[in-house]
N, C-alpha and C. Protein backbone atom coordinates (compact mmCIF):
# COMPACT_ATOMS: atom_id res chain seq x y z
N MET A 1 -149.01 -79.99 -105.54
CA MET A 1 -149.95 -80.03 -106.69
C MET A 1 -151.37 -80.50 -105.90
N ASN A 2 -152.22 -80.10 -106.18
CA ASN A 2 -153.61 -80.94 -105.52
C ASN A 2 -154.39 -81.76 -106.33
N ASN A 3 -154.48 -83.09 -105.63
CA ASN A 3 -155.01 -84.21 -106.51
C ASN A 3 -156.42 -84.41 -105.86
N ARG A 4 -157.07 -83.51 -104.92
CA ARG A 4 -158.34 -83.67 -104.45
C ARG A 4 -159.52 -82.96 -104.99
N PRO A 5 -160.40 -84.35 -105.54
CA PRO A 5 -161.21 -83.63 -106.48
C PRO A 5 -161.91 -82.31 -106.28
N SER A 6 -162.63 -81.82 -107.29
CA SER A 6 -162.71 -80.22 -107.42
C SER A 6 -164.65 -80.07 -107.22
N ASN A 7 -164.66 -80.64 -107.79
CA ASN A 7 -166.49 -80.84 -107.93
C ASN A 7 -167.12 -82.17 -107.89
N PRO A 8 -168.64 -81.89 -107.22
CA PRO A 8 -169.31 -83.39 -106.79
C PRO A 8 -169.17 -84.20 -107.52
N LEU A 9 -168.96 -83.78 -108.88
CA LEU A 9 -168.88 -84.88 -109.97
C LEU A 9 -167.42 -85.80 -109.45
N GLU A 10 -166.63 -84.90 -109.65
CA GLU A 10 -165.61 -85.62 -109.48
C GLU A 10 -165.30 -86.40 -108.18
N GLN A 11 -165.90 -86.00 -107.21
CA GLN A 11 -165.62 -86.36 -105.69
C GLN A 11 -166.48 -87.48 -105.84
N PHE A 12 -167.83 -87.78 -106.33
CA PHE A 12 -168.49 -88.86 -106.60
C PHE A 12 -167.81 -90.39 -107.19
N LEU A 13 -167.27 -89.61 -108.45
CA LEU A 13 -166.61 -90.63 -109.04
C LEU A 13 -165.26 -91.12 -107.94
N ALA A 14 -164.80 -90.26 -107.48
CA ALA A 14 -163.71 -90.68 -106.76
C ALA A 14 -163.72 -91.92 -105.34
N GLN A 15 -165.12 -91.29 -104.80
CA GLN A 15 -166.02 -92.21 -103.50
C GLN A 15 -166.10 -93.75 -104.51
N MET A 16 -166.74 -93.57 -105.78
CA MET A 16 -167.05 -95.03 -106.09
C MET A 16 -165.79 -95.99 -106.56
N GLY A 17 -165.15 -95.47 -106.70
CA GLY A 17 -163.78 -96.03 -107.44
C GLY A 17 -163.25 -96.77 -105.59
N THR A 18 -163.48 -96.11 -104.99
CA THR A 18 -163.32 -96.42 -103.35
C THR A 18 -163.75 -97.51 -102.47
N VAL A 19 -165.33 -97.44 -103.08
CA VAL A 19 -166.50 -98.10 -103.32
C VAL A 19 -166.25 -99.70 -103.74
N ASN A 20 -166.10 -99.78 -104.85
CA ASN A 20 -165.73 -100.99 -106.15
C ASN A 20 -164.67 -101.58 -105.60
N ASP A 21 -163.49 -101.00 -104.84
CA ASP A 21 -162.23 -101.52 -104.35
C ASP A 21 -162.56 -102.34 -103.11
N LEU A 22 -163.46 -101.88 -102.00
CA LEU A 22 -163.72 -102.62 -100.93
C LEU A 22 -164.61 -103.41 -101.70
N VAL A 23 -165.59 -103.49 -102.72
CA VAL A 23 -166.69 -104.66 -102.81
C VAL A 23 -165.55 -105.88 -103.33
N TYR A 24 -164.77 -105.79 -103.99
CA TYR A 24 -164.06 -106.67 -104.71
C TYR A 24 -163.03 -107.12 -103.64
N GLN A 25 -162.88 -106.60 -102.47
CA GLN A 25 -161.91 -107.00 -101.48
C GLN A 25 -162.66 -107.94 -100.42
N LEU A 26 -164.18 -107.86 -100.81
CA LEU A 26 -164.72 -109.05 -100.12
C LEU A 26 -164.61 -110.51 -100.13
N THR A 27 -165.01 -111.07 -99.41
CA THR A 27 -165.00 -112.77 -99.55
C THR A 27 -165.93 -113.52 -98.75
N PRO A 28 -166.37 -114.57 -98.71
CA PRO A 28 -166.88 -115.09 -97.95
C PRO A 28 -166.60 -114.81 -96.13
N ASP A 29 -165.24 -114.48 -96.03
CA ASP A 29 -164.54 -114.99 -94.83
C ASP A 29 -164.38 -113.36 -94.49
N SER A 30 -164.54 -112.24 -94.94
CA SER A 30 -164.49 -111.04 -94.65
C SER A 30 -165.25 -111.14 -93.30
N PRO A 31 -164.85 -110.07 -92.30
CA PRO A 31 -165.03 -109.72 -91.13
C PRO A 31 -166.04 -108.86 -91.26
N PRO A 32 -166.45 -108.16 -89.62
CA PRO A 32 -167.97 -107.28 -90.09
C PRO A 32 -166.98 -105.82 -90.27
N ALA A 33 -165.91 -105.94 -89.90
CA ALA A 33 -164.76 -104.94 -90.03
C ALA A 33 -164.97 -104.40 -91.55
N ALA A 34 -165.25 -105.15 -92.25
CA ALA A 34 -164.59 -104.83 -93.89
C ALA A 34 -166.24 -104.24 -94.05
N LEU A 35 -167.19 -104.99 -93.78
CA LEU A 35 -168.65 -104.22 -94.27
C LEU A 35 -169.06 -103.22 -93.34
N ALA A 36 -168.22 -103.10 -92.69
CA ALA A 36 -168.76 -101.33 -91.93
C ALA A 36 -167.65 -100.64 -92.61
N GLU A 37 -167.11 -100.94 -93.16
CA GLU A 37 -166.41 -100.16 -93.95
C GLU A 37 -166.76 -99.67 -95.02
N LEU A 38 -167.15 -101.29 -95.86
CA LEU A 38 -168.16 -100.65 -97.18
C LEU A 38 -169.14 -99.53 -96.73
N ARG A 39 -169.71 -99.91 -95.71
CA ARG A 39 -170.94 -99.45 -95.82
C ARG A 39 -170.83 -97.98 -95.20
N ASP A 40 -170.18 -97.22 -94.62
CA ASP A 40 -169.50 -95.97 -94.61
C ASP A 40 -169.03 -95.36 -95.72
N ALA A 41 -168.38 -96.22 -96.65
CA ALA A 41 -168.00 -95.52 -98.04
C ALA A 41 -169.60 -94.89 -98.92
N LEU A 42 -170.25 -96.26 -98.73
CA LEU A 42 -171.64 -96.17 -99.52
C LEU A 42 -172.16 -94.64 -98.77
N THR A 43 -172.47 -94.58 -97.55
CA THR A 43 -173.05 -93.59 -96.89
C THR A 43 -172.52 -92.34 -97.55
N VAL A 44 -170.87 -92.02 -97.34
CA VAL A 44 -170.18 -90.70 -98.02
C VAL A 44 -170.63 -90.68 -99.37
N VAL A 45 -171.02 -91.77 -100.29
CA VAL A 45 -171.39 -91.45 -101.79
C VAL A 45 -173.07 -91.14 -101.47
N THR A 46 -173.71 -91.71 -100.79
CA THR A 46 -175.11 -91.25 -100.97
C THR A 46 -175.09 -89.66 -100.06
N SER A 47 -174.42 -89.16 -99.37
CA SER A 47 -174.36 -88.10 -99.06
C SER A 47 -173.99 -87.24 -100.08
N THR A 48 -173.18 -87.63 -101.30
CA THR A 48 -172.30 -87.27 -102.07
C THR A 48 -173.49 -86.49 -103.25
N VAL A 49 -174.15 -87.78 -103.43
CA VAL A 49 -175.50 -87.68 -104.26
C VAL A 49 -176.79 -86.95 -103.99
N ASN A 50 -176.94 -86.75 -102.91
CA ASN A 50 -177.74 -86.01 -102.20
C ASN A 50 -177.56 -84.65 -102.28
N ALA A 51 -176.38 -83.82 -102.07
CA ALA A 51 -175.65 -83.02 -102.25
C ALA A 51 -175.87 -82.46 -103.73
N MET A 52 -175.31 -83.50 -104.41
CA MET A 52 -175.48 -82.64 -106.08
C MET A 52 -176.84 -83.16 -106.55
N LEU A 53 -177.91 -83.46 -105.96
CA LEU A 53 -179.58 -83.46 -106.36
C LEU A 53 -180.06 -82.18 -104.94
N GLY A 54 -179.40 -81.45 -104.33
CA GLY A 54 -179.84 -80.69 -103.83
C GLY A 54 -180.65 -81.16 -102.14
N MET A 55 -180.59 -82.22 -101.73
CA MET A 55 -181.21 -82.56 -101.02
C MET A 55 -180.52 -82.35 -99.29
N PRO A 56 -181.57 -82.13 -98.68
CA PRO A 56 -180.19 -81.64 -97.14
C PRO A 56 -180.21 -82.96 -96.48
N HIS A 57 -179.17 -82.60 -95.91
CA HIS A 57 -178.67 -84.02 -95.14
C HIS A 57 -179.91 -84.14 -93.64
N SER A 58 -179.69 -85.46 -93.54
CA SER A 58 -180.91 -86.08 -92.44
C SER A 58 -180.56 -84.63 -90.95
N THR A 59 -181.74 -85.05 -90.96
CA THR A 59 -182.07 -83.73 -89.10
C THR A 59 -182.12 -84.81 -88.11
N THR A 60 -182.80 -86.18 -88.33
CA THR A 60 -183.01 -86.85 -87.56
C THR A 60 -182.09 -88.05 -87.30
N GLY A 61 -181.48 -88.39 -88.55
CA GLY A 61 -180.51 -90.00 -88.23
C GLY A 61 -181.63 -91.00 -88.36
N CYS A 62 -182.65 -90.73 -88.88
CA CYS A 62 -183.62 -91.59 -89.08
C CYS A 62 -183.75 -92.26 -90.83
N ARG A 63 -183.52 -93.28 -91.36
CA ARG A 63 -183.55 -93.66 -92.57
C ARG A 63 -185.37 -93.53 -93.01
N PHE A 64 -186.36 -93.50 -92.01
CA PHE A 64 -187.81 -93.54 -92.81
C PHE A 64 -187.98 -92.35 -92.92
N HIS A 65 -187.78 -91.43 -91.89
CA HIS A 65 -188.02 -89.87 -92.00
C HIS A 65 -186.63 -89.01 -91.51
N PRO A 66 -186.31 -88.84 -92.32
CA PRO A 66 -184.89 -88.30 -92.03
C PRO A 66 -185.40 -86.97 -92.07
N GLN A 67 -185.87 -86.16 -92.36
CA GLN A 67 -186.23 -84.75 -92.09
C GLN A 67 -187.32 -84.25 -91.84
N GLY A 68 -188.04 -85.59 -90.78
CA GLY A 68 -189.01 -85.73 -89.99
C GLY A 68 -188.48 -84.51 -88.85
N PRO A 69 -189.66 -84.62 -87.82
CA PRO A 69 -189.47 -83.78 -86.34
C PRO A 69 -188.42 -84.53 -85.51
N VAL A 70 -187.75 -83.34 -84.74
CA VAL A 70 -186.71 -83.86 -83.93
C VAL A 70 -187.09 -84.47 -82.56
N ASP A 71 -186.52 -85.21 -81.94
CA ASP A 71 -186.87 -85.46 -80.86
C ASP A 71 -186.31 -85.04 -79.63
N PRO A 72 -186.54 -84.02 -78.65
CA PRO A 72 -185.89 -83.09 -78.36
C PRO A 72 -184.91 -83.79 -76.94
N VAL A 73 -185.72 -84.82 -76.91
CA VAL A 73 -185.55 -85.82 -75.35
C VAL A 73 -185.44 -87.16 -75.66
N ALA A 74 -184.70 -87.46 -77.09
CA ALA A 74 -184.76 -88.93 -77.35
C ALA A 74 -183.35 -89.68 -76.36
N PRO A 75 -184.07 -90.75 -75.62
CA PRO A 75 -183.21 -91.55 -74.74
C PRO A 75 -181.47 -91.65 -75.54
N PRO A 76 -180.87 -92.18 -74.99
CA PRO A 76 -179.20 -92.49 -75.29
C PRO A 76 -179.56 -93.83 -75.98
N GLY A 77 -179.12 -93.87 -77.43
CA GLY A 77 -178.84 -95.00 -78.14
C GLY A 77 -179.96 -94.94 -78.97
N TRP A 78 -180.75 -94.19 -78.98
CA TRP A 78 -182.09 -93.89 -79.97
C TRP A 78 -182.45 -93.03 -80.92
N SER A 79 -182.33 -92.63 -81.78
CA SER A 79 -182.40 -91.78 -82.82
C SER A 79 -183.28 -90.27 -82.42
N THR A 80 -182.95 -89.21 -83.30
CA THR A 80 -183.93 -88.33 -82.30
C THR A 80 -185.07 -87.68 -83.51
N CYS A 81 -185.53 -88.83 -84.29
CA CYS A 81 -186.61 -89.15 -84.58
C CYS A 81 -187.68 -89.28 -83.98
N LEU A 82 -188.84 -88.00 -83.95
CA LEU A 82 -189.74 -88.03 -83.03
C LEU A 82 -191.26 -88.85 -83.36
N LEU A 83 -190.99 -89.35 -84.63
CA LEU A 83 -192.12 -90.22 -85.15
C LEU A 83 -191.76 -91.48 -84.80
N CYS A 84 -190.49 -92.46 -84.76
CA CYS A 84 -189.89 -93.36 -84.65
C CYS A 84 -190.04 -93.65 -83.35
N ASN A 85 -189.36 -92.65 -82.38
CA ASN A 85 -189.62 -92.67 -81.15
C ASN A 85 -190.77 -92.66 -80.56
N THR A 86 -191.66 -92.02 -80.86
CA THR A 86 -193.42 -92.36 -79.99
C THR A 86 -194.09 -93.69 -80.20
N HIS A 87 -193.41 -94.17 -81.49
CA HIS A 87 -193.65 -95.52 -81.98
C HIS A 87 -192.86 -96.58 -80.79
N ARG A 88 -191.85 -96.34 -80.56
CA ARG A 88 -191.05 -97.05 -79.52
C ARG A 88 -191.80 -96.66 -78.41
N ARG A 89 -191.64 -95.63 -77.60
CA ARG A 89 -192.51 -95.48 -76.36
C ARG A 89 -193.81 -96.18 -76.28
N ARG A 90 -194.44 -96.10 -77.47
CA ARG A 90 -195.91 -96.81 -77.17
C ARG A 90 -195.44 -98.13 -76.77
N ASP A 91 -194.47 -98.98 -78.05
CA ASP A 91 -194.18 -100.10 -77.66
C ASP A 91 -193.76 -100.83 -75.96
N SER A 92 -193.12 -99.80 -75.72
CA SER A 92 -192.03 -100.53 -74.42
C SER A 92 -193.00 -99.74 -73.15
N GLY A 93 -193.80 -98.92 -73.37
CA GLY A 93 -194.53 -98.37 -71.96
C GLY A 93 -193.93 -97.22 -71.53
N THR A 94 -192.98 -96.29 -71.99
CA THR A 94 -192.31 -95.06 -71.68
C THR A 94 -192.65 -94.26 -72.12
N ARG A 95 -192.72 -93.09 -71.47
CA ARG A 95 -193.25 -91.73 -71.75
C ARG A 95 -192.25 -90.97 -71.84
N ARG A 96 -192.22 -89.94 -72.77
CA ARG A 96 -191.39 -88.77 -72.74
C ARG A 96 -191.44 -87.90 -71.43
N PRO A 97 -190.20 -87.55 -70.88
CA PRO A 97 -190.04 -87.04 -69.29
C PRO A 97 -190.48 -85.70 -69.14
N ASP A 98 -191.20 -84.90 -70.30
CA ASP A 98 -191.72 -83.69 -70.43
C ASP A 98 -192.75 -83.77 -70.20
N LEU A 99 -193.78 -84.84 -70.75
CA LEU A 99 -194.95 -84.68 -70.60
C LEU A 99 -195.90 -85.63 -69.52
N PRO A 100 -196.69 -84.88 -69.60
CA PRO A 100 -197.77 -85.55 -68.09
C PRO A 100 -198.18 -86.91 -68.54
N ASN A 101 -198.15 -87.37 -67.10
CA ASN A 101 -199.15 -89.06 -67.38
C ASN A 101 -200.23 -88.75 -67.56
N PRO A 102 -200.98 -88.95 -68.49
CA PRO A 102 -202.58 -88.72 -68.76
C PRO A 102 -203.22 -89.64 -67.52
N SER A 103 -202.72 -90.66 -67.04
CA SER A 103 -203.24 -91.79 -65.85
C SER A 103 -203.68 -90.64 -64.52
N THR A 104 -202.23 -89.79 -64.42
CA THR A 104 -202.09 -88.99 -63.18
C THR A 104 -202.71 -87.88 -62.89
N SER A 105 -203.13 -87.08 -64.23
CA SER A 105 -203.53 -85.84 -64.62
C SER A 105 -204.95 -85.59 -64.62
N ARG A 106 -205.78 -86.44 -64.28
CA ARG A 106 -206.91 -86.11 -64.45
C ARG A 106 -207.67 -85.75 -62.85
């Protein structure tokens, strides 16, 4: 017999049970790994709710611009959000390698 939830609502309820268990296991001394496990479980629940609402998954990995434009040359460790990466580049003084430097192209 298969005990896996068969529809999105059943999946959501099962996942919320897991989140509930993880929350009640937390103590003031809980290690960071316990919080990471809770965060991962909440991410799964959020994905399930988004699927139930018909919302697409994030294409950028960005919490501010989940459906924003994708940066094709995102540096390692950065999200692929072009909007956020443009701000990061401005703040750090770095440029996208595929764009000409305006100071040398005059």
